[in-house]
Amino acid sequence: MKNLERARWRCRRGLLELDIVLQRFMDEHYTKLNEAELRQFETLLGLPDNDLWDMITLKEAGSADSHPVLRLLQTI
């Protein structure tokens, strides 16, 4: 439960749109992630807001095929 609360806190960002997407992701998918996916999510949360938003909105060419968590974020 401590990890869930910590992740929810880290999802509070400077961009309202990013806050909305990340909170929906937390509500719908976070508890279903395996260990590798949790690490991917933590890595994504370490990115600056604009970079993460660009990846989610497909503005930045990324390797979504190798990031199942990013694919989930893009579907929200």
C-alpha atoms as a PDB file:
ATOM      1  CA  MET A   1       0.000   0.000   0.000  1.00  0.00           C
ATOM      2  CA  LYS A   2       2.910   2.337   0.690  1.00  0.00           C
ATOM      3  CA  ASN A   3       4.111   2.003  -2.925  1.00  0.00           C
ATOM      4  CA  LEU A   4       0.634   2.788  -4.228  1.00  0.00           C
ATOM      5  CA  GLU A   5       0.417   5.965  -2.143  1.00  0.00           C
ATOM      6  CA  ARG A   6       3.926   6.998  -3.180  1.00  0.00           C
ATOM      7  CA  ALA A   7       3.112   6.422  -6.856  1.00  0.00           C
ATOM      8  CA  ARG A   8      -0.122   8.427  -6.557  1.00  0.00           C
ATOM      9  CA  TRP A   9       1.870  11.306  -5.055  1.00  0.00           C
ATOM     10  CA  ARG A  10       4.437  11.150  -7.876  1.00  0.00           C
ATOM     11  CA  CYS A  11       1.587  11.314 -10.416  1.00  0.00           C
ATOM     12  CA  ARG A  12       0.764  14.845  -9.286  1.00  0.00           C
ATOM     13  CA  ARG A  13       2.442  16.887 -11.977  1.00  0.00           C
ATOM     14  CA  GLY A  14       2.558  20.420 -13.326  1.00  0.00           C
ATOM     15  CA  LEU A  15       0.433  19.749 -16.398  1.00  0.00           C
ATOM     16  CA  LEU A  16      -3.281  19.264 -15.737  1.00  0.00           C
ATOM     17  CA  GLU A  17      -3.639  16.953 -18.733  1.00  0.00           C
ATOM     18  CA  LEU A  18      -0.823  14.767 -17.439  1.00  0.00           C
ATOM     19  CA  ASP A  19      -2.391  14.685 -13.965  1.00  0.00           C
ATOM     20  CA  ILE A  20      -5.647  13.443 -15.448  1.00  0.00           C
ATOM     21  CA  VAL A  21      -4.036  10.720 -17.563  1.00  0.00           C
ATOM     22  CA  LEU A  22      -1.801   9.502 -14.742  1.00  0.00           C
ATOM     23  CA  GLN A  23      -4.626   9.411 -12.193  1.00  0.00           C
ATOM     24  CA  ARG A  24      -6.822   7.421 -14.583  1.00  0.00           C
ATOM     25  CA  PHE A  25      -3.906   5.072 -15.197  1.00  0.00           C
ATOM     26  CA  MET A  26      -3.466   4.611 -11.448  1.00  0.00           C
ATOM     27  CA  ASP A  27      -7.167   3.869 -11.009  1.00  0.00           C
ATOM     28  CA  GLU A  28      -7.416   1.434 -13.915  1.00  0.00           C
ATOM     29  CA  HIS A  29      -4.041  -0.275 -14.287  1.00  0.00           C
ATOM     30  CA  TYR A  30      -1.508   0.273 -11.503  1.00  0.00           C
ATOM     31  CA  THR A  31      -2.528  -2.633  -9.256  1.00  0.00           C
ATOM     32  CA  LYS A  32      -2.383  -5.022 -12.235  1.00  0.00           C
ATOM     33  CA  LEU A  33       1.238  -4.242 -13.192  1.00  0.00           C
ATOM     34  CA  ASN A  34       3.977  -6.819 -12.739  1.00  0.00           C
ATOM     35  CA  GLU A  35       7.413  -5.943 -11.330  1.00  0.00           C
ATOM     36  CA  ALA A  36       8.962  -5.087 -14.711  1.00  0.00           C
ATOM     37  CA  GLU A  37       6.020  -2.865 -15.606  1.00  0.00           C
ATOM     38  CA  LEU A  38       6.203  -1.128 -12.212  1.00  0.00           C
ATOM     39  CA  ARG A  39       9.861  -0.320 -12.891  1.00  0.00           C
ATOM     40  CA  GLN A  40       8.931   1.016 -16.348  1.00  0.00           C
ATOM     41  CA  PHE A  41       6.257   3.201 -14.789  1.00  0.00           C
ATOM     42  CA  GLU A  42       8.725   4.541 -12.215  1.00  0.00           C
ATOM     43  CA  THR A  43      11.153   5.351 -15.036  1.00  0.00           C
ATOM     44  CA  LEU A  44       8.437   7.204 -16.927  1.00  0.00           C
ATOM     45  CA  LEU A  45       7.539   9.179 -13.799  1.00  0.00           C
ATOM     46  CA  GLY A  46      11.167  10.278 -13.613  1.00  0.00           C
ATOM     47  CA  LEU A  47      10.869  12.119 -16.925  1.00  0.00           C
ATOM     48  CA  PRO A  48      10.157  15.859 -17.111  1.00  0.00           C
ATOM     49  CA  ASP A  49       6.470  16.645 -17.603  1.00  0.00           C
ATOM     50  CA  ASN A  50       6.760  17.854 -21.196  1.00  0.00           C
ATOM     51  CA  ASP A  51       8.828  14.850 -22.286  1.00  0.00           C
ATOM     52  CA  LEU A  52       6.392  12.413 -20.698  1.00  0.00           C
ATOM     53  CA  TRP A  53       3.401  14.208 -22.195  1.00  0.00           C
ATOM     54  CA  ASP A  54       5.018  14.147 -25.643  1.00  0.00           C
ATOM     55  CA  MET A  55       5.610  10.397 -25.339  1.00  0.00           C
ATOM     56  CA  ILE A  56       2.027   9.767 -24.247  1.00  0.00           C
ATOM     57  CA  THR A  57       0.558  11.893 -27.023  1.00  0.00           C
ATOM     58  CA  LEU A  58       2.914  10.313 -29.588  1.00  0.00           C
ATOM     59  CA  LYS A  59       4.602  13.621 -30.400  1.00  0.00           C
ATOM     60  CA  GLU A  60       7.968  12.135 -29.547  1.00  0.00           C
ATOM     61  CA  ALA A  61       8.969   9.006 -31.386  1.00  0.00           C
ATOM     62  CA  GLY A  62       9.528   6.427 -28.705  1.00  0.00           C
ATOM     63  CA  SER A  63       9.692   2.699 -28.485  1.00  0.00           C
ATOM     64  CA  ALA A  64       6.141   2.072 -27.334  1.00  0.00           C
ATOM     65  CA  ASP A  65       6.462  -1.491 -28.572  1.00  0.00           C
ATOM     66  CA  SER A  66       9.024  -2.170 -25.877  1.00  0.00           C
ATOM     67  CA  HIS A  67       7.101  -0.250 -23.211  1.00  0.00           C
ATOM     68  CA  PRO A  68       3.765  -1.882 -22.411  1.00  0.00           C
ATOM     69  CA  VAL A  69       3.168   0.733 -19.707  1.00  0.00           C
ATOM     70  CA  LEU A  70       3.516   3.531 -22.242  1.00  0.00           C
ATOM     71  CA  ARG A  71       1.018   1.775 -24.502  1.00  0.00           C
ATOM     72  CA  LEU A  72      -1.437   1.643 -21.583  1.00  0.00           C
ATOM     73  CA  LEU A  73      -0.937   5.352 -20.912  1.00  0.00           C
ATOM     74  CA  GLN A  74      -1.560   6.126 -24.576  1.00  0.00           C
ATOM     75  CA  THR A  75      -4.941   4.364 -24.483  1.00  0.00           C
ATOM     76  CA  ILE A  76      -6.312   6.543 -21.691  1.00  0.00           C
END
